């Protein structure tokens, strides 16, 4: 029997599992848990335990007991970070979900010249909730980190100065905007790979200039334009494949 995954707040040395209000409510109301109900508790940082539900606690939340610990889930190598130009509505939700299911470590969003959305705190909270649900679905003990939107120029400057040359790639969704060349970029030598995925309107001329000055190669994934959520899945999949080569 496949046990459901539940995000836990903490586990004491005595083996007592503390569960937050929302997750405890899911256990009690959706899963109809009764004392003795078994589940997998995880902390989002690689630790997991098979737990046994005991019941609700005063003031909200719940209590369970550790039955046995699970093997520690170390970070995926290579680790993949995605920085994504924000798009409207459910398509961005879908992109967050699939990135989390595939095991992306960090999901950043950025403001861009041709971006059309300014997400608020509520939408960021929704993306984090989606990442939690995706971790449960794919039975992961680690949560994808979902970061608040950042300024594009600052993002690129940080990537250019803090990451090894070639470990960051700018993925332009308009293939005709990528200058042709013969240089090849392989990912086998990097423990951490980052893709900066442009908005569907493409990077602006100023943004492309910022990318070039930071020494970040620009690539495309074929001859045809892609939607943002398609590029997210493609980039995450390719980033985890040690045999992949990218052509500029």
Protein backbone atom coordinates (compact mmCIF):
# COMPACT_ATOMS: atom_id res chain seq x y z
CA UNK A 1 0.00 0.00 0.00
CA UNK A 2 1.34 3.41 -0.98
CA UNK A 3 1.42 5.71 2.04
CA UNK A 4 0.48 9.38 1.61
CA UNK A 5 3.16 12.03 2.08
CA UNK A 6 2.63 14.74 4.71
CA UNK A 7 4.85 17.78 5.30
CA UNK A 8 5.72 17.96 9.01
CA UNK A 9 6.81 20.84 11.21
CA UNK A 10 9.32 18.99 13.39
CA UNK A 11 10.31 15.66 14.91
CA UNK A 12 11.58 15.41 18.48
CA UNK A 13 14.37 13.17 19.73
CA UNK A 14 11.72 11.09 21.43
CA UNK A 15 10.10 10.35 18.06
CA UNK A 16 7.13 12.71 18.35
CA UNK A 17 6.02 14.21 15.03
CA UNK A 18 4.47 17.70 15.08
CA UNK A 19 2.17 18.43 12.13
CA UNK A 20 0.91 21.88 11.14
CA UNK A 21 -2.72 22.91 10.99
CA UNK A 22 -3.24 22.57 7.23
CA UNK A 23 -1.56 19.18 6.93
CA UNK A 24 -3.33 17.86 10.03
CA UNK A 25 -6.64 18.99 8.55
CA UNK A 26 -5.80 17.14 5.32
CA UNK A 27 -5.07 14.00 7.32
CA UNK A 28 -8.27 14.19 9.35
CA UNK A 29 -10.76 15.46 6.76
CA UNK A 30 -9.47 14.28 3.39
CA UNK A 31 -7.64 11.09 4.32
CA UNK A 32 -10.03 10.38 7.23
CA UNK A 33 -7.12 9.37 9.43
CA UNK A 34 -7.83 7.61 12.70
CA UNK A 35 -5.32 6.73 15.44
CA UNK A 36 -2.88 4.22 13.99
CA UNK A 37 -3.14 5.57 10.42
CA UNK A 38 0.25 5.30 8.69
CA UNK A 39 1.82 7.96 6.44
CA UNK A 40 5.20 9.28 5.32
CA UNK A 41 6.21 12.49 7.06
CA UNK A 42 8.90 14.65 5.47
CA UNK A 43 10.55 17.93 6.39
CA UNK A 44 11.25 19.21 2.85
CA UNK A 45 15.00 19.08 3.46
CA UNK A 46 15.68 15.42 2.79
CA UNK A 47 14.53 13.83 6.06
CA UNK A 48 11.58 11.45 6.13
CA UNK A 49 9.84 9.12 8.55
CA UNK A 50 7.09 6.56 8.46
CA UNK A 51 4.65 7.91 11.01
CA UNK A 52 1.56 6.77 12.87
CA UNK A 53 -1.20 9.30 13.46
CA UNK A 54 -2.30 9.86 17.05
CA UNK A 55 -4.70 12.76 16.68
CA UNK A 56 -5.22 16.51 16.77
CA UNK A 57 -3.52 18.75 19.28
CA UNK A 58 -5.03 21.69 21.19
CA UNK A 59 -4.88 24.91 19.20
CA UNK A 60 -4.64 23.16 15.84
CA UNK A 61 -2.23 20.79 14.16
CA UNK A 62 -1.65 17.17 14.96
CA UNK A 63 0.59 14.65 16.64
CA UNK A 64 2.04 11.39 15.35
CA UNK A 65 4.75 8.93 16.33
CA UNK A 66 7.78 7.81 14.33
CA UNK A 67 7.53 4.17 13.30
CA UNK A 68 10.83 4.18 11.45
CA UNK A 69 13.09 6.73 9.75
CA UNK A 70 13.59 6.72 5.97
CA UNK A 71 16.96 6.92 4.22
CA UNK A 72 18.11 10.52 3.86
CA UNK A 73 17.40 11.98 0.41
CA UNK A 74 20.50 13.89 -0.65
CA UNK A 75 20.46 16.74 -3.16
CA UNK A 76 20.01 15.74 -6.78
CA UNK A 77 23.20 15.98 -8.85
CA UNK A 78 23.35 17.84 -11.05
CA UNK A 79 21.20 20.38 -9.25
CA UNK A 80 18.97 22.47 -11.51
CA UNK A 81 17.79 26.03 -10.90
CA UNK A 82 15.24 27.72 -13.15
CA UNK A 83 14.80 31.49 -13.39
CA UNK A 84 11.60 32.14 -15.34
CA UNK A 85 9.96 35.18 -16.90
CA UNK A 86 6.51 35.48 -15.35
CA UNK A 87 3.43 34.60 -17.41
CA UNK A 88 -0.27 34.78 -16.69
CA UNK A 89 -2.52 32.55 -14.64
CA UNK A 90 -2.65 28.77 -14.57
CA UNK A 91 0.17 28.30 -17.05
CA UNK A 92 2.67 29.55 -14.48
CA UNK A 93 1.06 27.32 -11.85
CA UNK A 94 1.54 24.37 -14.19
CA UNK A 95 5.20 25.30 -14.76
CA UNK A 96 5.85 25.43 -11.01
CA UNK A 97 4.15 22.06 -10.52
CA UNK A 98 6.11 20.26 -13.23
CA UNK A 99 9.43 21.77 -12.17
CA UNK A 100 8.83 20.55 -8.61
CA UNK A 101 7.80 17.07 -9.79
CA UNK A 102 10.98 16.80 -11.87
CA UNK A 103 13.19 17.70 -8.91
CA UNK A 104 14.25 21.28 -9.66
CA UNK A 105 16.02 22.72 -6.61
CA UNK A 106 15.13 26.41 -6.97
CA UNK A 107 12.45 28.20 -8.97
CA UNK A 108 13.00 31.93 -9.35
CA UNK A 109 10.88 34.43 -11.22
CA UNK A 110 11.94 37.79 -12.61
CA UNK A 111 10.48 41.02 -13.92
CA UNK A 112 11.22 41.59 -17.60
CA UNK A 113 10.60 44.18 -20.30
CA UNK A 114 7.98 42.05 -22.05
CA UNK A 115 6.57 40.44 -18.93
CA UNK A 116 2.86 41.03 -18.38
CA UNK A 117 2.29 40.08 -14.76
CA UNK A 118 3.23 41.47 -11.36
CA UNK A 119 2.55 38.62 -8.90
CA UNK A 120 1.60 39.49 -5.35
CA UNK A 121 2.15 37.71 -2.05
CA UNK A 122 -0.97 35.58 -2.54
CA UNK A 123 0.26 34.16 -5.82
CA UNK A 124 3.71 33.45 -4.41
CA UNK A 125 2.04 31.57 -1.55
CA UNK A 126 0.03 29.60 -4.11
CA UNK A 127 3.21 28.60 -5.97
CA UNK A 128 4.75 27.38 -2.71
CA UNK A 129 1.61 25.37 -1.98
CA UNK A 130 1.77 23.85 -5.47
CA UNK A 131 5.41 22.90 -4.90
CA UNK A 132 4.46 21.09 -1.69
CA UNK A 133 1.68 19.17 -3.44
CA UNK A 134 4.04 18.26 -6.28
CA UNK A 135 6.63 16.91 -3.83
CA UNK A 136 3.97 14.68 -2.30
CA UNK A 137 2.82 13.50 -5.72
CA UNK A 138 6.34 12.57 -6.83
CA UNK A 139 7.22 11.14 -3.38
CA UNK A 140 10.10 13.50 -2.74
CA UNK A 141 11.53 14.35 0.67
CA UNK A 142 12.87 17.67 -0.58
CA UNK A 143 10.84 20.73 -1.46
CA UNK A 144 11.64 22.96 -4.41
CA UNK A 145 12.51 26.43 -3.14
CA UNK A 146 10.16 29.02 -4.66
CA UNK A 147 11.68 32.51 -4.53
CA UNK A 148 10.02 35.95 -4.73
CA UNK A 149 10.33 37.84 -8.05
CA UNK A 150 13.60 39.69 -8.56
CA UNK A 151 14.96 42.40 -10.83
CA UNK A 152 16.31 40.93 -14.07
CA UNK A 153 19.55 42.89 -14.19
CA UNK A 154 20.44 42.05 -10.59
CA UNK A 155 19.61 38.39 -11.22
CA UNK A 156 21.91 38.17 -14.24
CA UNK A 157 24.74 40.04 -12.54
CA UNK A 158 24.62 37.63 -9.60
CA UNK A 159 24.58 34.60 -11.90
CA UNK A 160 27.48 35.97 -13.94
CA UNK A 161 29.66 36.65 -10.89
CA UNK A 162 28.74 33.73 -8.61
CA UNK A 163 28.50 30.77 -11.00
CA UNK A 164 31.23 29.03 -13.05
CA UNK A 165 31.37 30.08 -16.69
CA UNK A 166 29.07 27.86 -18.76
CA UNK A 167 26.94 26.65 -15.84
CA UNK A 168 24.29 29.32 -16.54
CA UNK A 169 22.43 29.36 -19.86
CA UNK A 170 19.90 31.90 -21.10
CA UNK A 171 17.08 30.14 -22.94
CA UNK A 172 15.42 32.46 -25.45
CA UNK A 173 11.92 31.34 -26.46
CA UNK A 174 12.30 33.08 -29.82
CA UNK A 175 14.93 31.01 -31.68
CA UNK A 176 15.51 33.69 -34.32
CA UNK A 177 16.85 35.97 -31.58
CA UNK A 178 19.77 33.64 -30.80
CA UNK A 179 22.86 34.41 -32.82
CA UNK A 180 24.09 31.34 -34.75
CA UNK A 181 27.47 29.89 -33.87
CA UNK A 182 29.38 26.68 -33.43
CA UNK A 183 30.26 26.72 -29.72
CA UNK A 184 29.06 23.70 -27.77
CA UNK A 185 28.09 23.78 -24.11
CA UNK A 186 28.10 20.53 -22.12
CA UNK A 187 26.70 20.09 -18.62
CA UNK A 188 28.67 17.08 -17.46
CA UNK A 189 31.28 19.05 -15.51
CA UNK A 190 28.85 21.10 -13.41
CA UNK A 191 27.18 20.05 -10.16
CA UNK A 192 24.74 22.95 -10.50
CA UNK A 193 23.08 24.15 -13.68
CA UNK A 194 20.91 27.24 -14.11
CA UNK A 195 18.56 28.13 -16.95
CA UNK A 196 17.27 31.68 -17.37
CA UNK A 197 14.07 31.22 -19.37
CA UNK A 198 12.96 34.32 -21.21
CA UNK A 199 9.41 35.63 -21.48
CA UNK A 200 7.33 34.58 -24.45
CA UNK A 201 7.76 38.03 -25.97
CA UNK A 202 11.49 37.37 -25.96
CA UNK A 203 14.24 39.20 -24.14
CA UNK A 204 14.46 42.90 -24.96
CA UNK A 205 17.59 44.27 -26.65
CA UNK A 206 18.69 45.73 -23.32
CA UNK A 207 18.18 42.38 -21.58
CA UNK A 208 20.18 40.55 -24.24
CA UNK A 209 22.97 43.08 -23.76
CA UNK A 210 22.95 42.42 -20.00
CA UNK A 211 23.16 38.68 -20.66
CA UNK A 212 26.11 39.07 -23.04
CA UNK A 213 28.01 41.39 -20.67
CA UNK A 214 27.62 38.81 -17.89
CA UNK A 215 29.24 36.20 -20.14
CA UNK A 216 26.14 33.99 -20.17
CA UNK A 217 25.57 31.98 -23.39
CA UNK A 218 22.18 32.29 -25.10
CA UNK A 219 20.60 29.14 -26.51
CA UNK A 220 17.36 27.93 -28.04
CA UNK A 221 15.79 24.46 -28.03
CA UNK A 222 14.92 24.25 -31.69
CA UNK A 223 13.64 26.21 -34.66
CA UNK A 224 10.21 27.02 -33.26
CA UNK A 225 9.06 29.34 -30.45
CA UNK A 226 8.08 27.67 -27.18
CA UNK A 227 5.61 28.53 -24.48
CA UNK A 228 7.12 29.26 -21.09
CA UNK A 229 5.76 26.14 -19.40
CA UNK A 230 7.04 23.95 -22.25
CA UNK A 231 10.52 25.45 -21.92
CA UNK A 232 10.43 24.88 -18.14
CA UNK A 233 9.82 21.14 -18.57
CA UNK A 234 12.35 20.83 -21.40
CA UNK A 235 15.07 22.73 -19.54
CA UNK A 236 14.55 20.77 -16.31
CA UNK A 237 14.67 17.46 -18.16
CA UNK A 238 17.76 18.37 -20.15
CA UNK A 239 19.52 19.78 -17.12
CA UNK A 240 19.37 16.44 -15.34
CA UNK A 241 20.72 14.53 -18.36
CA UNK A 242 24.54 14.28 -18.16
CA UNK A 243 24.80 13.45 -21.86
CA UNK A 244 23.14 16.64 -23.11
CA UNK A 245 24.99 19.19 -25.25
CA UNK A 246 23.60 22.61 -26.07
CA UNK A 247 24.46 24.41 -29.31
CA UNK A 248 24.59 28.17 -29.56
